[in-house]
C-alpha atoms as a PDB file:
ATOM      1  CA  MET A   1      -7.889  15.035 -11.309  1.00  0.00           C
ATOM      2  CA  PRO A   2      -6.615  13.740  -7.963  1.00  0.00           C
ATOM      3  CA  ILE A   3      -8.470  11.099  -5.985  1.00  0.00           C
ATOM      4  CA  PRO A   4     -11.116  13.043  -4.028  1.00  0.00           C
ATOM      5  CA  ALA A   5     -11.432  12.962  -0.241  1.00  0.00           C
ATOM      6  CA  GLN A   6     -14.864  11.354  -0.700  1.00  0.00           C
ATOM      7  CA  HIS A   7     -13.266   8.223  -2.238  1.00  0.00           C
ATOM      8  CA  VAL A   8     -10.758   8.054   0.630  1.00  0.00           C
ATOM      9  CA  ARG A   9     -13.542   8.548   3.200  1.00  0.00           C
ATOM     10  CA  GLU A  10     -15.719   5.820   1.615  1.00  0.00           C
ATOM     11  CA  THR A  11     -12.738   3.450   1.535  1.00  0.00           C
ATOM     12  CA  VAL A  12     -11.940   4.129   5.202  1.00  0.00           C
ATOM     13  CA  ASP A  13     -15.599   3.642   6.173  1.00  0.00           C
ATOM     14  CA  ALA A  14     -15.813   0.332   4.307  1.00  0.00           C
ATOM     15  CA  TYR A  15     -12.508  -0.820   5.806  1.00  0.00           C
ATOM     16  CA  LEU A  16     -13.597   0.081   9.348  1.00  0.00           C
ATOM     17  CA  ALA A  17     -16.901  -1.749   8.787  1.00  0.00           C
ATOM     18  CA  GLU A  18     -14.783  -4.893   8.232  1.00  0.00           C
ATOM     19  CA  HIS A  19     -12.206  -4.066  10.934  1.00  0.00           C
ATOM     20  CA  PRO A  20     -13.958  -1.995  13.640  1.00  0.00           C
ATOM     21  CA  ASP A  21     -11.195  -2.860  16.123  1.00  0.00           C
ATOM     22  CA  GLU A  22      -8.830  -0.588  14.123  1.00  0.00           C
ATOM     23  CA  LYS A  23     -10.820   2.607  14.721  1.00  0.00           C
ATOM     24  CA  ASP A  24      -8.283   3.933  17.260  1.00  0.00           C
ATOM     25  CA  ALA A  25      -5.326   3.018  15.026  1.00  0.00           C
ATOM     26  CA  LEU A  26      -6.863   5.049  12.190  1.00  0.00           C
ATOM     27  CA  SER A  27      -7.941   8.037  14.303  1.00  0.00           C
ATOM     28  CA  ALA A  28      -5.102  10.231  12.938  1.00  0.00           C
ATOM     29  CA  LEU A  29      -6.188   9.377   9.372  1.00  0.00           C
ATOM     30  CA  VAL A  30      -9.840  10.183  10.089  1.00  0.00           C
ATOM     31  CA  ALA A  31      -8.906  13.467  11.804  1.00  0.00           C
ATOM     32  CA  THR A  32      -6.518  14.545   9.037  1.00  0.00           C
ATOM     33  CA  LEU A  33      -9.061  13.615   6.375  1.00  0.00           C
ATOM     34  CA  GLY A  34     -11.591  15.884   8.095  1.00  0.00           C
ATOM     35  CA  GLU A  35      -9.083  18.757   8.232  1.00  0.00           C
ATOM     36  CA  ALA A  36      -7.289  18.343   4.905  1.00  0.00           C
ATOM     37  CA  GLY A  37     -10.199  17.406   2.629  1.00  0.00           C
ATOM     38  CA  ASP A  38      -9.130  16.819  -0.967  1.00  0.00           C
ATOM     39  CA  SER A  39      -5.484  17.659  -0.197  1.00  0.00           C
ATOM     40  CA  ILE A  40      -5.260  14.342   1.729  1.00  0.00           C
ATOM     41  CA  THR A  41      -3.771  12.743  -1.421  1.00  0.00           C
ATOM     42  CA  SER A  42      -1.186  15.515  -1.982  1.00  0.00           C
ATOM     43  CA  ARG A  43       2.375  14.673  -1.008  1.00  0.00           C
ATOM     44  CA  LYS A  44       2.623  18.327   0.089  1.00  0.00           C
ATOM     45  CA  GLU A  45      -0.014  17.789   2.819  1.00  0.00           C
ATOM     46  CA  PHE A  46       2.358  17.524   5.771  1.00  0.00           C
ATOM     47  CA  ARG A  47      -0.226  16.816   8.474  1.00  0.00           C
ATOM     48  CA  GLY A  48      -0.298  13.469   6.678  1.00  0.00           C
ATOM     49  CA  HIS A  49      -1.205  12.098   3.259  1.00  0.00           C
ATOM     50  CA  VAL A  50      -2.439   8.979   1.567  1.00  0.00           C
ATOM     51  CA  THR A  51      -0.094   6.476  -0.048  1.00  0.00           C
ATOM     52  CA  ALA A  52      -0.915   3.147  -1.695  1.00  0.00           C
ATOM     53  CA  GLY A  53       0.854  -0.185  -1.520  1.00  0.00           C
ATOM     54  CA  ALA A  54       0.593  -3.667  -2.968  1.00  0.00           C
ATOM     55  CA  ALA A  55       0.925  -7.045  -1.299  1.00  0.00           C
ATOM     56  CA  LEU A  56       1.582  -9.170  -4.386  1.00  0.00           C
ATOM     57  CA  LEU A  57       0.967 -12.848  -3.715  1.00  0.00           C
ATOM     58  CA  ARG A  58       2.051 -15.777  -5.900  1.00  0.00           C
ATOM     59  CA  PRO A  59       0.256 -19.145  -5.866  1.00  0.00           C
ATOM     60  CA  ASP A  60       3.204 -20.661  -3.968  1.00  0.00           C
ATOM     61  CA  GLY A  61       2.419 -18.408  -1.004  1.00  0.00           C
ATOM     62  CA  ARG A  62       5.266 -15.948  -1.486  1.00  0.00           C
ATOM     63  CA  VAL A  63       4.794 -12.196  -1.333  1.00  0.00           C
ATOM     64  CA  LEU A  64       6.969  -9.647  -3.135  1.00  0.00           C
ATOM     65  CA  THR A  65       9.083  -7.303  -1.017  1.00  0.00           C
ATOM     66  CA  ILE A  66      11.414  -4.584  -2.254  1.00  0.00           C
ATOM     67  CA  GLU A  67      14.359  -2.804  -0.678  1.00  0.00           C
ATOM     68  CA  HIS A  68      13.591   0.924  -0.708  1.00  0.00           C
ATOM     69  CA  ARG A  69      16.691   2.945  -1.643  1.00  0.00           C
ATOM     70  CA  ALA A  70      15.961   6.107   0.398  1.00  0.00           C
ATOM     71  CA  LEU A  71      14.625   4.384   3.528  1.00  0.00           C
ATOM     72  CA  GLN A  72      17.021   1.391   3.316  1.00  0.00           C
ATOM     73  CA  LYS A  73      14.212  -0.902   4.448  1.00  0.00           C
ATOM     74  CA  TRP A  74      12.418  -3.917   3.012  1.00  0.00           C
ATOM     75  CA  LEU A  75       8.842  -2.906   2.200  1.00  0.00           C
ATOM     76  CA  LEU A  76       5.894  -3.801   0.033  1.00  0.00           C
ATOM     77  CA  PRO A  77       5.889  -1.970  -3.317  1.00  0.00           C
ATOM     78  CA  GLY A  78       4.023   1.309  -3.066  1.00  0.00           C
ATOM     79  CA  GLY A  79       4.229   5.043  -2.886  1.00  0.00           C
ATOM     80  CA  HIS A  80       2.551   8.381  -3.311  1.00  0.00           C
ATOM     81  CA  VAL A  81      -0.774   8.854  -5.057  1.00  0.00           C
ATOM     82  CA  GLU A  82      -0.536  10.720  -8.392  1.00  0.00           C
ATOM     83  CA  ASP A  83      -3.051  13.099  -9.967  1.00  0.00           C
ATOM     84  CA  SER A  84      -3.658  10.533 -12.734  1.00  0.00           C
ATOM     85  CA  ASP A  85      -4.851   7.856 -10.262  1.00  0.00           C
ATOM     86  CA  THR A  86      -8.642   7.484 -10.150  1.00  0.00           C
ATOM     87  CA  THR A  87      -8.885   5.136  -7.145  1.00  0.00           C
ATOM     88  CA  LEU A  88      -6.624   3.925  -4.369  1.00  0.00           C
ATOM     89  CA  VAL A  89      -6.528   0.448  -5.962  1.00  0.00           C
ATOM     90  CA  ASP A  90      -5.348   2.082  -9.221  1.00  0.00           C
ATOM     91  CA  ALA A  91      -2.627   3.933  -7.317  1.00  0.00           C
ATOM     92  CA  ALA A  92      -1.404   0.693  -5.693  1.00  0.00           C
ATOM     93  CA  LEU A  93      -1.394  -1.095  -9.049  1.00  0.00           C
ATOM     94  CA  ARG A  94       0.477   1.764 -10.759  1.00  0.00           C
ATOM     95  CA  GLU A  95       3.100   1.866  -7.992  1.00  0.00           C
ATOM     96  CA  LEU A  96       3.532  -1.913  -8.215  1.00  0.00           C
ATOM     97  CA  ALA A  97       4.106  -1.691 -11.980  1.00  0.00           C
ATOM     98  CA  GLU A  98       6.455   1.310 -11.686  1.00  0.00           C
ATOM     99  CA  GLU A  99       8.661  -0.175  -8.984  1.00  0.00           C
ATOM    100  CA  THR A 100       8.747  -3.796 -10.171  1.00  0.00           C
ATOM    101  CA  GLY A 101       8.020  -3.720 -13.896  1.00  0.00           C
ATOM    102  CA  ILE A 102       5.242  -6.287 -13.426  1.00  0.00           C
ATOM    103  CA  SER A 103       2.549  -5.334 -15.912  1.00  0.00           C
ATOM    104  CA  PRO A 104      -0.959  -4.668 -14.536  1.00  0.00           C
ATOM    105  CA  ASP A 105      -2.341  -7.267 -16.956  1.00  0.00           C
ATOM    106  CA  ARG A 106      -0.320  -9.928 -15.052  1.00  0.00           C
ATOM    107  CA  VAL A 107      -1.943  -8.958 -11.745  1.00  0.00           C
ATOM    108  CA  GLU A 108      -5.419  -9.615 -10.347  1.00  0.00           C
ATOM    109  CA  PRO A 109      -6.834  -7.467  -7.528  1.00  0.00           C
ATOM    110  CA  ASP A 110      -8.165  -9.540  -4.650  1.00  0.00           C
ATOM    111  CA  SER A 111     -10.904  -7.057  -3.724  1.00  0.00           C
ATOM    112  CA  GLY A 112     -11.722  -3.370  -3.769  1.00  0.00           C
ATOM    113  CA  LEU A 113     -11.064  -3.117  -0.028  1.00  0.00           C
ATOM    114  CA  PRO A 114      -7.593  -2.572   1.406  1.00  0.00           C
ATOM    115  CA  LEU A 115      -6.078  -5.615   3.057  1.00  0.00           C
ATOM    116  CA  HIS A 116      -4.615  -3.232   5.648  1.00  0.00           C
ATOM    117  CA  VAL A 117      -4.381   0.505   6.285  1.00  0.00           C
ATOM    118  CA  ASP A 118      -1.171   1.462   8.054  1.00  0.00           C
ATOM    119  CA  VAL A 119      -0.405   4.805   9.697  1.00  0.00           C
ATOM    120  CA  HIS A 120       3.303   5.484  10.106  1.00  0.00           C
ATOM    121  CA  SER A 121       5.649   8.416  10.539  1.00  0.00           C
ATOM    122  CA  ILE A 122       8.058   9.500   7.795  1.00  0.00           C
ATOM    123  CA  PRO A 123      11.213  11.263   8.975  1.00  0.00           C
ATOM    124  CA  ALA A 124      11.962  14.824   7.901  1.00  0.00           C
ATOM    125  CA  ASN A 125      13.822  15.122   4.599  1.00  0.00           C
ATOM    126  CA  PRO A 126      15.644  18.482   4.485  1.00  0.00           C
ATOM    127  CA  ALA A 127      16.859  17.788   0.921  1.00  0.00           C
ATOM    128  CA  LYS A 128      13.223  17.801  -0.229  1.00  0.00           C
ATOM    129  CA  ASP A 129      12.181  20.475   2.283  1.00  0.00           C
ATOM    130  CA  GLU A 130       9.784  17.998   3.903  1.00  0.00           C
ATOM    131  CA  PRO A 131       9.075  17.997   7.633  1.00  0.00           C
ATOM    132  CA  GLU A 132       8.331  14.809   9.528  1.00  0.00           C
ATOM    133  CA  HIS A 133       4.810  13.715   8.562  1.00  0.00           C
ATOM    134  CA  LEU A 134       2.425  10.765   8.506  1.00  0.00           C
ATOM    135  CA  HIS A 135       1.726   8.345   5.681  1.00  0.00           C
ATOM    136  CA  PHE A 136      -1.690   6.716   5.556  1.00  0.00           C
ATOM    137  CA  ASP A 137      -0.774   3.630   3.551  1.00  0.00           C
ATOM    138  CA  PHE A 138      -3.684   1.789   1.906  1.00  0.00           C
ATOM    139  CA  ARG A 139      -2.316  -1.709   1.192  1.00  0.00           C
ATOM    140  CA  TYR A 140      -4.155  -3.868  -1.315  1.00  0.00           C
ATOM    141  CA  LEU A 141      -3.773  -7.570  -1.997  1.00  0.00           C
ATOM    142  CA  PHE A 142      -3.072  -8.620  -5.572  1.00  0.00           C
ATOM    143  CA  ARG A 143      -2.438 -12.082  -6.978  1.00  0.00           C
ATOM    144  CA  THR A 144      -0.095 -13.044  -9.804  1.00  0.00           C
ATOM    145  CA  THR A 145       1.665 -15.945 -11.449  1.00  0.00           C
ATOM    146  CA  ALA A 146       4.434 -13.616 -12.677  1.00  0.00           C
ATOM    147  CA  ASP A 147       7.841 -13.765 -11.063  1.00  0.00           C
ATOM    148  CA  LEU A 148       9.987 -11.722 -13.453  1.00  0.00           C
ATOM    149  CA  VAL A 149      10.779  -8.400 -11.821  1.00  0.00           C
ATOM    150  CA  ASN A 150      12.399  -5.383 -13.524  1.00  0.00           C
ATOM    151  CA  LEU A 151      13.256  -2.951 -10.732  1.00  0.00           C
ATOM    152  CA  GLN A 152      12.991   0.836 -10.904  1.00  0.00           C
ATOM    153  CA  GLU A 153      16.538   1.390  -9.702  1.00  0.00           C
ATOM    154  CA  GLU A 154      16.077   5.078  -8.779  1.00  0.00           C
ATOM    155  CA  GLU A 155      13.912   3.991  -5.818  1.00  0.00           C
ATOM    156  CA  VAL A 156      14.432   0.253  -5.380  1.00  0.00           C
ATOM    157  CA  THR A 157      17.726  -1.602  -4.848  1.00  0.00           C
ATOM    158  CA  ALA A 158      16.587  -5.243  -4.568  1.00  0.00           C
ATOM    159  CA  TYR A 159      13.579  -7.537  -4.404  1.00  0.00           C
ATOM    160  CA  SER A 160      12.696 -10.829  -2.803  1.00  0.00           C
ATOM    161  CA  TRP A 161       9.773 -13.241  -2.901  1.00  0.00           C
ATOM    162  CA  GLN A 162       9.255 -14.022   0.800  1.00  0.00           C
ATOM    163  CA  PHE A 163       6.919 -16.452   2.488  1.00  0.00           C
ATOM    164  CA  ALA A 164       4.127 -14.459   4.099  1.00  0.00           C
ATOM    165  CA  ASP A 165       5.204 -15.526   7.589  1.00  0.00           C
ATOM    166  CA  MET A 166       8.397 -13.485   7.064  1.00  0.00           C
ATOM    167  CA  LEU A 167       6.373 -10.261   7.123  1.00  0.00           C
ATOM    168  CA  THR A 168       6.717  -8.644  10.523  1.00  0.00           C
ATOM    169  CA  ALA A 169       3.914  -6.049  10.606  1.00  0.00           C
ATOM    170  CA  GLU A 170       0.613  -7.107  12.108  1.00  0.00           C
ATOM    171  CA  PRO A 171      -2.203  -7.411  11.160  1.00  0.00           C
ATOM    172  CA  LEU A 172      -0.761  -7.390   7.604  1.00  0.00           C
ATOM    173  CA  ARG A 173       1.180 -10.615   8.209  1.00  0.00           C
ATOM    174  CA  THR A 174      -1.874 -12.536   9.424  1.00  0.00           C
ATOM    175  CA  ARG A 175      -4.079 -11.245   6.608  1.00  0.00           C
ATOM    176  CA  VAL A 176      -1.553 -12.165   3.898  1.00  0.00           C
ATOM    177  CA  MET A 177      -1.084 -15.602   5.490  1.00  0.00           C
ATOM    178  CA  ASN A 178      -4.868 -16.119   5.477  1.00  0.00           C
ATOM    179  CA  ALA A 179      -4.981 -15.135   1.787  1.00  0.00           C
ATOM    180  CA  THR A 180      -2.119 -17.562   1.140  1.00  0.00           C
ATOM    181  CA  ARG A 181      -4.022 -20.411   2.789  1.00  0.00           C
ATOM    182  CA  GLN A 182      -7.039 -19.577   0.614  1.00  0.00           C
ATOM    183  CA  SER A 183      -4.830 -19.688  -2.502  1.00  0.00           C
ATOM    184  CA  LEU A 184      -3.198 -22.962  -1.570  1.00  0.00           C
ATOM    185  CA  SER A 185      -6.570 -24.570  -0.817  1.00  0.00           C
ATOM    186  CA  GLY A 186      -7.936 -23.438  -4.169  1.00  0.00           C
ATOM    187  CA  HIS A 187     -10.334 -20.785  -2.860  1.00  0.00           C
ATOM    188  CA  SER A 188      -9.907 -17.152  -3.772  1.00  0.00           C
END
């Protein structure tokens, strides 16, 4: 059974309670959630749909990035929610394992709240009969001591462990850097 709209709504509410200054940035997500209901997690919901990503942090302060084959961009591991996912954290963890081969038992979730929720446009893909649409990307922080990566080559062409200050998107960059400082100082 797909992740219900109620779980997405509760996650958004909890996130906005922590980051009230992002209410305007997430207005398209809140509006689409109200209109789409439970189809918000379906990749066929072209007003916009939920995706899940993972910021995987090692103790040395490096975060895993992957080169996405179709988009030809360096991104965090992540992707579409599947019917088998029970929570957004589960979806992020599954995507991380699928794209990088890093087993979920080698990864520790930082918290049940997203580190960042990003709203971005995805270009039309005529080959898949997909119009331009929005992705509502729930990005979760995970910690690991693993560094062996086994890429899913259908979607991912390369990977790199980057220092968090190499991330360009804000507020993700600042939040990962803060988590890095906590790791390096021994607090989690």
